[in-house]
Amino acid sequence: MKESIDEIKNELKAKLLYWNNLKSRKIKAAVILLFLGVIVLKIFTTVLTFDWVSGLFK
């Protein structure tokens, strides 16, 4: 359990270091948009899956 927490902390530190090393505002904006796009896509596909599954039982 302790190793897992340490691994997560190290991963977060690496991502924060990557973010701090980005100098271009355009690249930062693109990373944010990509992150938001992935979240929206995940929500969209989940909703469609639930609609599809509920349609099977009608």
Protein backbone atom coordinates (compact mmCIF):
# COMPACT_ATOMS: atom_id res chain seq x y z
CA MET A 1 0.00 0.00 0.00
CA LYS A 2 2.82 2.36 0.90
CA GLU A 3 4.56 1.63 -2.42
CA SER A 4 1.39 2.45 -4.35
CA ILE A 5 1.03 5.81 -2.61
CA ASP A 6 4.68 6.61 -3.27
CA GLU A 7 4.27 5.66 -6.92
CA ILE A 8 1.24 7.94 -7.27
CA LYS A 9 3.11 10.80 -5.59
CA ASN A 10 6.07 10.33 -7.93
CA GLU A 11 3.76 10.29 -10.95
CA LEU A 12 2.05 13.51 -9.84
CA LYS A 13 5.41 15.17 -9.24
CA ALA A 14 6.55 14.17 -12.73
CA LYS A 15 3.40 15.60 -14.31
CA LEU A 16 3.74 18.82 -12.32
CA LEU A 17 7.37 19.11 -13.39
CA TYR A 18 6.33 18.59 -17.02
CA TRP A 19 3.66 21.29 -16.68
CA ASN A 20 6.10 23.75 -15.10
CA ASN A 21 8.64 23.12 -17.89
CA LEU A 22 6.14 24.08 -20.59
CA LYS A 23 6.96 27.63 -21.61
CA SER A 24 4.50 28.16 -24.45
CA ARG A 25 1.02 29.32 -23.56
CA LYS A 26 -0.28 27.72 -26.78
CA ILE A 27 0.99 24.31 -25.73
CA LYS A 28 -0.49 24.71 -22.25
CA ALA A 29 -3.84 25.67 -23.78
CA ALA A 30 -3.65 22.66 -26.11
CA VAL A 31 -2.92 20.33 -23.17
CA ILE A 32 -5.89 21.74 -21.24
CA LEU A 33 -8.19 21.40 -24.25
CA LEU A 34 -6.99 17.85 -24.86
CA PHE A 35 -7.65 16.96 -21.22
CA LEU A 36 -11.13 18.48 -21.33
CA GLY A 37 -11.82 16.77 -24.65
CA VAL A 38 -10.96 13.38 -23.19
CA ILE A 39 -13.26 14.00 -20.22
CA VAL A 40 -16.14 15.12 -22.47
CA LEU A 41 -15.61 12.13 -24.75
CA LYS A 42 -15.66 9.76 -21.78
CA ILE A 43 -18.90 11.28 -20.46
CA PHE A 44 -20.47 11.24 -23.92
CA THR A 45 -19.63 7.59 -24.58
CA THR A 46 -20.82 6.59 -21.10
CA VAL A 47 -24.19 8.30 -21.66
CA LEU A 48 -24.56 6.65 -25.07
CA THR A 49 -23.68 3.26 -23.57
CA PHE A 50 -26.32 3.64 -20.85
CA ASP A 51 -28.88 4.72 -23.44
CA TRP A 52 -28.00 1.72 -25.60
CA VAL A 53 -28.20 -0.70 -22.67
CA SER A 54 -31.51 0.75 -21.48
CA GLY A 55 -32.84 0.44 -25.03
CA LEU A 56 -32.12 -3.29 -24.94
CA PHE A 57 -34.47 -3.78 -22.02
CA LYS A 58 -37.43 -1.85 -23.44
